[in-house]
Amino acid sequence: MAGHPSVFPTLLYGDAEAAIQQLTEAFGFTRVAVYEAGDGTVMHAELAYGSGAVMLGSKGRGGVFDTVMAQAGPAGVYVVVEDVDAHHRRAVEHGVEILMEPTDQDYGSRDYMARDAEGNVWSFGTYAPQV
């Protein structure tokens, strides 16, 4: 598995197509794969950023994951970016709700926090945990 991430945040959205649009346009993710049912329901999607990725799909599509996630609250995801201020400007230009402006942290990171259209909290910063 060298060269491949081994942890993937996995989220469900009421409007997965809108989430994909926001994550790619406002946050700079790259669309890797999107698998849809005949009615347009997103069964599975993969979006990449740097060496990481997030998987997502539509709520109400059925299956075990959809069922157990039905009452789950919003999630928090941290993404390492090179230029926090440029990334923040891009998000603002796309109308993203900013929860915390770019801030220098005591532990050496510079980061900001935003909320996506369905309530998930995304943090973008320079802190890259060594694993």
Protein backbone atom coordinates (compact mmCIF):
# COMPACT_ATOMS: atom_id res chain seq x y z
CA MET A 1 0.00 0.00 0.00
CA ALA A 2 3.01 2.33 -0.20
CA GLY A 3 2.09 5.57 -1.89
CA HIS A 4 -1.62 5.20 -1.16
CA PRO A 5 -3.52 6.77 1.75
CA SER A 6 -4.93 4.24 4.18
CA VAL A 7 -7.51 6.44 5.93
CA PHE A 8 -10.43 7.99 4.01
CA PRO A 9 -13.09 10.20 5.55
CA THR A 10 -16.44 8.96 4.22
CA LEU A 11 -19.44 11.28 4.16
CA LEU A 12 -23.06 11.12 3.02
CA TYR A 13 -24.87 14.15 1.62
CA GLY A 14 -28.51 14.94 0.91
CA ASP A 15 -27.30 16.52 -2.34
CA ALA A 16 -24.08 14.71 -3.21
CA GLU A 17 -23.78 16.39 -6.63
CA ALA A 18 -23.84 19.83 -4.99
CA ALA A 19 -21.28 18.63 -2.43
CA ILE A 20 -18.98 17.42 -5.21
CA GLN A 21 -19.33 20.78 -6.94
CA GLN A 22 -18.54 22.73 -3.75
CA LEU A 23 -15.59 20.51 -2.78
CA THR A 24 -14.03 20.74 -6.24
CA GLU A 25 -14.74 24.38 -7.04
CA ALA A 26 -14.40 26.03 -3.62
CA PHE A 27 -11.91 23.73 -1.89
CA GLY A 28 -9.84 22.53 -4.85
CA PHE A 29 -10.48 18.78 -4.66
CA THR A 30 -10.08 16.75 -7.85
CA ARG A 31 -12.89 14.49 -9.01
CA VAL A 32 -11.41 10.98 -9.25
CA ALA A 33 -14.51 8.81 -9.65
CA VAL A 34 -18.28 9.21 -9.42
CA TYR A 35 -20.65 6.25 -9.72
CA GLU A 36 -24.33 7.09 -10.07
CA ALA A 37 -27.51 5.05 -10.13
CA GLY A 38 -29.93 5.52 -13.03
CA ASP A 39 -31.82 8.21 -11.11
CA GLY A 40 -28.69 10.31 -10.49
CA THR A 41 -28.14 9.13 -6.91
CA VAL A 42 -24.41 9.17 -6.14
CA MET A 43 -23.66 5.64 -5.00
CA HIS A 44 -19.94 6.30 -4.49
CA ALA A 45 -17.57 9.16 -5.28
CA GLU A 46 -13.88 9.74 -4.65
CA LEU A 47 -12.33 13.19 -4.51
CA ALA A 48 -8.58 13.69 -4.08
CA TYR A 49 -6.52 16.47 -2.55
CA GLY A 50 -2.75 16.09 -2.48
CA SER A 51 -1.96 12.56 -1.33
CA GLY A 52 -5.32 12.15 0.46
CA ALA A 53 -8.89 11.58 -0.56
CA VAL A 54 -12.46 11.63 0.69
CA MET A 55 -15.23 9.25 -0.32
CA LEU A 56 -18.85 10.34 -0.40
CA GLY A 57 -22.29 9.40 -1.58
CA SER A 58 -25.98 10.30 -1.44
CA LYS A 59 -28.06 9.87 1.69
CA GLY A 60 -31.03 7.56 1.23
CA ARG A 61 -29.35 5.27 -1.31
CA GLY A 62 -29.86 2.17 0.82
CA GLY A 63 -27.38 -0.33 2.15
CA VAL A 64 -25.74 -0.87 5.51
CA PHE A 65 -23.57 2.28 5.54
CA ASP A 66 -26.50 4.51 4.61
CA THR A 67 -28.63 2.91 7.32
CA VAL A 68 -26.08 3.23 10.14
CA MET A 69 -25.17 6.79 9.11
CA ALA A 70 -28.80 7.97 8.98
CA GLN A 71 -28.64 9.68 12.38
CA ALA A 72 -24.97 10.68 12.25
CA GLY A 73 -24.15 14.33 12.80
CA PRO A 74 -21.79 16.45 10.76
CA ALA A 75 -18.19 15.31 10.54
CA GLY A 76 -14.92 17.20 10.82
CA VAL A 77 -12.16 16.71 8.26
CA TYR A 78 -8.62 18.19 8.28
CA VAL A 79 -6.79 18.76 4.98
CA VAL A 80 -3.14 19.81 4.68
CA VAL A 81 -2.65 22.68 2.21
CA GLU A 82 0.49 24.55 1.17
CA ASP A 83 -0.92 28.10 1.03
CA VAL A 84 -3.65 28.59 3.63
CA ASP A 85 -4.38 32.17 2.65
CA ALA A 86 -4.79 31.41 -1.07
CA HIS A 87 -6.97 28.40 -0.24
CA HIS A 88 -9.09 30.57 2.08
CA ARG A 89 -9.52 33.24 -0.62
CA ARG A 90 -10.76 30.60 -3.06
CA ALA A 91 -13.32 29.33 -0.54
CA VAL A 92 -14.53 32.88 0.19
CA GLU A 93 -14.86 33.60 -3.55
CA HIS A 94 -17.22 30.61 -3.78
CA GLY A 95 -19.38 31.78 -0.88
CA VAL A 96 -18.28 29.16 1.65
CA GLU A 97 -19.21 29.83 5.29
CA ILE A 98 -15.96 30.59 7.12
CA LEU A 99 -15.95 29.58 10.79
CA MET A 100 -12.40 30.74 11.60
CA GLU A 101 -10.24 33.06 9.51
CA PRO A 102 -6.64 31.97 8.76
CA THR A 103 -4.89 31.87 12.12
CA ASP A 104 -1.34 31.12 13.25
CA GLN A 105 -1.52 28.43 15.95
CA ASP A 106 0.81 27.99 18.95
CA TYR A 107 1.91 24.56 17.64
CA GLY A 108 3.23 26.06 14.39
CA SER A 109 0.32 25.55 12.00
CA ARG A 110 -1.58 28.18 10.08
CA ASP A 111 -5.14 27.12 9.41
CA TYR A 112 -8.75 28.13 8.88
CA MET A 113 -12.10 26.44 9.33
CA ALA A 114 -15.15 26.33 7.04
CA ARG A 115 -18.56 24.66 6.95
CA ASP A 116 -19.83 22.95 3.81
CA ALA A 117 -23.39 23.29 2.56
CA GLU A 118 -24.58 20.34 4.70
CA GLY A 119 -22.86 21.22 7.97
CA ASN A 120 -19.59 19.29 7.85
CA VAL A 121 -16.64 21.23 9.24
CA TRP A 122 -13.51 21.35 7.10
CA SER A 123 -10.18 22.57 8.51
CA PHE A 124 -7.40 23.48 6.09
CA GLY A 125 -3.91 24.10 7.39
CA THR A 126 -0.18 23.58 7.20
CA TYR A 127 0.06 21.06 10.05
CA ALA A 128 0.98 17.65 8.62
CA PRO A 129 0.98 14.93 11.30
CA GLN A 130 3.89 12.51 11.04
CA VAL A 131 2.50 8.98 10.93
